[in-house]
């Protein structure tokens, strides 16, 4: 089991897309709502916190991504057709070079 989780609460449209992708077995009931629970490692959690500074984890070590991040993660899940996607998703969700100028990226300041 993972140490941390991302919860994605599902509306009818998302649920239908998951069913069409053959992923409905991964849907759980959380707080009376249908949801996905995506495993996150400690290292991935650190990257998520850098990408989304306002992200908070609850007592069950779960978080809910901002809408943009959640949509990106959901699209990756539907494209890959599996729930174990964090190794791929973290690349799109966390960009360590975001906001940095092109100068200084391995150029030695030239």
C-alpha atoms as a PDB file:
ATOM      1  CA  UNK A   1       0.000   0.000   0.000  1.00  0.00           C
ATOM      2  CA  UNK A   2       1.085   3.551  -0.650  1.00  0.00           C
ATOM      3  CA  UNK A   3       1.836   6.043   2.075  1.00  0.00           C
ATOM      4  CA  UNK A   4      -0.183   8.824   0.413  1.00  0.00           C
ATOM      5  CA  UNK A   5      -3.143   9.122  -1.970  1.00  0.00           C
ATOM      6  CA  UNK A   6      -4.838  11.463  -4.377  1.00  0.00           C
ATOM      7  CA  UNK A   7      -8.627  11.347  -4.327  1.00  0.00           C
ATOM      8  CA  UNK A   8     -10.549  12.068  -7.512  1.00  0.00           C
ATOM      9  CA  UNK A   9     -14.275  12.348  -6.879  1.00  0.00           C
ATOM     10  CA  UNK A  10     -16.258  11.229  -9.902  1.00  0.00           C
ATOM     11  CA  UNK A  11     -19.249  12.830 -11.545  1.00  0.00           C
ATOM     12  CA  UNK A  12     -21.399  10.837 -13.981  1.00  0.00           C
ATOM     13  CA  UNK A  13     -19.279  11.873 -16.985  1.00  0.00           C
ATOM     14  CA  UNK A  14     -15.961  10.808 -15.407  1.00  0.00           C
ATOM     15  CA  UNK A  15     -17.514   7.568 -14.174  1.00  0.00           C
ATOM     16  CA  UNK A  16     -18.808   6.773 -17.674  1.00  0.00           C
ATOM     17  CA  UNK A  17     -15.361   7.431 -19.184  1.00  0.00           C
ATOM     18  CA  UNK A  18     -13.736   5.139 -16.625  1.00  0.00           C
ATOM     19  CA  UNK A  19     -16.253   2.406 -17.395  1.00  0.00           C
ATOM     20  CA  UNK A  20     -15.567   2.776 -21.137  1.00  0.00           C
ATOM     21  CA  UNK A  21     -11.823   2.470 -20.424  1.00  0.00           C
ATOM     22  CA  UNK A  22     -12.442  -0.717 -18.400  1.00  0.00           C
ATOM     23  CA  UNK A  23     -11.336   0.875 -15.132  1.00  0.00           C
ATOM     24  CA  UNK A  24     -14.565   0.775 -13.136  1.00  0.00           C
ATOM     25  CA  UNK A  25     -13.094  -1.891 -10.812  1.00  0.00           C
ATOM     26  CA  UNK A  26     -10.852   0.827  -9.342  1.00  0.00           C
ATOM     27  CA  UNK A  27     -13.800   3.003  -8.282  1.00  0.00           C
ATOM     28  CA  UNK A  28     -14.326   3.162  -4.511  1.00  0.00           C
ATOM     29  CA  UNK A  29     -16.917   4.662  -2.226  1.00  0.00           C
ATOM     30  CA  UNK A  30     -15.309   7.496  -0.219  1.00  0.00           C
ATOM     31  CA  UNK A  31     -17.407   9.709   2.045  1.00  0.00           C
ATOM     32  CA  UNK A  32     -20.552   8.448   0.312  1.00  0.00           C
ATOM     33  CA  UNK A  33     -19.274   9.432  -3.151  1.00  0.00           C
ATOM     34  CA  UNK A  34     -17.726   7.455  -5.975  1.00  0.00           C
ATOM     35  CA  UNK A  35     -14.020   8.187  -6.293  1.00  0.00           C
ATOM     36  CA  UNK A  36     -10.634   6.987  -7.444  1.00  0.00           C
ATOM     37  CA  UNK A  37      -7.803   6.710  -4.958  1.00  0.00           C
ATOM     38  CA  UNK A  38      -4.416   7.022  -6.673  1.00  0.00           C
ATOM     39  CA  UNK A  39      -1.310   5.837  -4.805  1.00  0.00           C
ATOM     40  CA  UNK A  40       1.447   8.404  -4.272  1.00  0.00           C
ATOM     41  CA  UNK A  41       4.953   7.750  -2.940  1.00  0.00           C
ATOM     42  CA  UNK A  42       6.711  10.018  -0.444  1.00  0.00           C
ATOM     43  CA  UNK A  43       8.969  11.372  -3.217  1.00  0.00           C
ATOM     44  CA  UNK A  44       5.973  12.077  -5.490  1.00  0.00           C
ATOM     45  CA  UNK A  45       4.233  13.827  -2.574  1.00  0.00           C
ATOM     46  CA  UNK A  46       7.193  16.204  -2.231  1.00  0.00           C
ATOM     47  CA  UNK A  47       7.006  17.034  -5.944  1.00  0.00           C
ATOM     48  CA  UNK A  48       3.247  17.559  -5.753  1.00  0.00           C
ATOM     49  CA  UNK A  49       3.724  19.976  -2.856  1.00  0.00           C
ATOM     50  CA  UNK A  50       6.257  21.930  -4.927  1.00  0.00           C
ATOM     51  CA  UNK A  51       3.894  21.998  -7.910  1.00  0.00           C
ATOM     52  CA  UNK A  52       0.854  22.882  -5.786  1.00  0.00           C
ATOM     53  CA  UNK A  53       2.041  24.795  -2.681  1.00  0.00           C
ATOM     54  CA  UNK A  54      -1.502  25.059  -1.261  1.00  0.00           C
ATOM     55  CA  UNK A  55      -2.069  21.284  -1.433  1.00  0.00           C
ATOM     56  CA  UNK A  56      -3.019  19.740   1.907  1.00  0.00           C
ATOM     57  CA  UNK A  57      -3.191  16.115   2.988  1.00  0.00           C
ATOM     58  CA  UNK A  58      -5.900  14.999   5.416  1.00  0.00           C
ATOM     59  CA  UNK A  59      -5.663  12.567   8.357  1.00  0.00           C
ATOM     60  CA  UNK A  60      -5.814   9.609   5.964  1.00  0.00           C
ATOM     61  CA  UNK A  61      -2.811  11.028   4.028  1.00  0.00           C
ATOM     62  CA  UNK A  62      -5.002  11.851   1.041  1.00  0.00           C
ATOM     63  CA  UNK A  63      -5.346  15.057  -0.949  1.00  0.00           C
ATOM     64  CA  UNK A  64      -7.485  16.502  -3.697  1.00  0.00           C
ATOM     65  CA  UNK A  65      -5.623  18.187  -6.531  1.00  0.00           C
ATOM     66  CA  UNK A  66      -6.684  21.576  -7.901  1.00  0.00           C
ATOM     67  CA  UNK A  67      -9.003  21.267 -10.900  1.00  0.00           C
ATOM     68  CA  UNK A  68      -6.258  21.700 -13.502  1.00  0.00           C
ATOM     69  CA  UNK A  69      -4.083  19.009 -11.899  1.00  0.00           C
ATOM     70  CA  UNK A  70      -7.026  16.687 -11.439  1.00  0.00           C
ATOM     71  CA  UNK A  71      -8.013  17.049 -15.107  1.00  0.00           C
ATOM     72  CA  UNK A  72      -4.440  16.322 -16.197  1.00  0.00           C
ATOM     73  CA  UNK A  73      -4.269  13.233 -13.977  1.00  0.00           C
ATOM     74  CA  UNK A  74      -7.679  12.013 -15.151  1.00  0.00           C
ATOM     75  CA  UNK A  75      -6.676  12.412 -18.814  1.00  0.00           C
ATOM     76  CA  UNK A  76      -3.496  10.402 -18.215  1.00  0.00           C
ATOM     77  CA  UNK A  77      -5.494   7.648 -16.507  1.00  0.00           C
ATOM     78  CA  UNK A  78      -7.921   7.488 -19.432  1.00  0.00           C
ATOM     79  CA  UNK A  79      -5.123   7.583 -22.049  1.00  0.00           C
ATOM     80  CA  UNK A  80      -3.001   4.881 -20.407  1.00  0.00           C
ATOM     81  CA  UNK A  81      -6.053   2.919 -19.220  1.00  0.00           C
ATOM     82  CA  UNK A  82      -4.609   2.123 -15.812  1.00  0.00           C
ATOM     83  CA  UNK A  83      -4.636   3.654 -12.342  1.00  0.00           C
ATOM     84  CA  UNK A  84      -0.935   3.216 -11.518  1.00  0.00           C
ATOM     85  CA  UNK A  85       0.094   6.344 -13.419  1.00  0.00           C
ATOM     86  CA  UNK A  86       1.943   8.582 -10.965  1.00  0.00           C
ATOM     87  CA  UNK A  87       5.389   7.915 -12.438  1.00  0.00           C
ATOM     88  CA  UNK A  88       4.091   9.297 -15.746  1.00  0.00           C
ATOM     89  CA  UNK A  89       1.739  11.898 -14.275  1.00  0.00           C
ATOM     90  CA  UNK A  90       4.317  13.502 -12.011  1.00  0.00           C
ATOM     91  CA  UNK A  91       6.261  14.583 -15.102  1.00  0.00           C
ATOM     92  CA  UNK A  92       3.252  16.563 -16.328  1.00  0.00           C
ATOM     93  CA  UNK A  93       2.111  17.767 -12.906  1.00  0.00           C
ATOM     94  CA  UNK A  94       5.535  18.811 -11.608  1.00  0.00           C
ATOM     95  CA  UNK A  95       7.823  20.883 -13.804  1.00  0.00           C
ATOM     96  CA  UNK A  96      10.950  21.839 -11.849  1.00  0.00           C
ATOM     97  CA  UNK A  97      12.005  24.345 -14.506  1.00  0.00           C
ATOM     98  CA  UNK A  98       8.682  26.186 -14.682  1.00  0.00           C
ATOM     99  CA  UNK A  99       9.170  29.914 -14.409  1.00  0.00           C
ATOM    100  CA  UNK A 100      12.927  29.807 -14.951  1.00  0.00           C
ATOM    101  CA  UNK A 101      14.477  31.617 -17.846  1.00  0.00           C
ATOM    102  CA  UNK A 102      16.289  29.755 -20.587  1.00  0.00           C
ATOM    103  CA  UNK A 103      19.554  31.249 -19.340  1.00  0.00           C
ATOM    104  CA  UNK A 104      21.111  29.236 -16.611  1.00  0.00           C
ATOM    105  CA  UNK A 105      19.783  25.881 -17.755  1.00  0.00           C
ATOM    106  CA  UNK A 106      23.144  24.156 -18.008  1.00  0.00           C
ATOM    107  CA  UNK A 107      24.759  26.981 -19.945  1.00  0.00           C
ATOM    108  CA  UNK A 108      27.018  28.083 -17.126  1.00  0.00           C
ATOM    109  CA  UNK A 109      25.469  31.556 -17.406  1.00  0.00           C
ATOM    110  CA  UNK A 110      26.854  32.076 -20.905  1.00  0.00           C
END
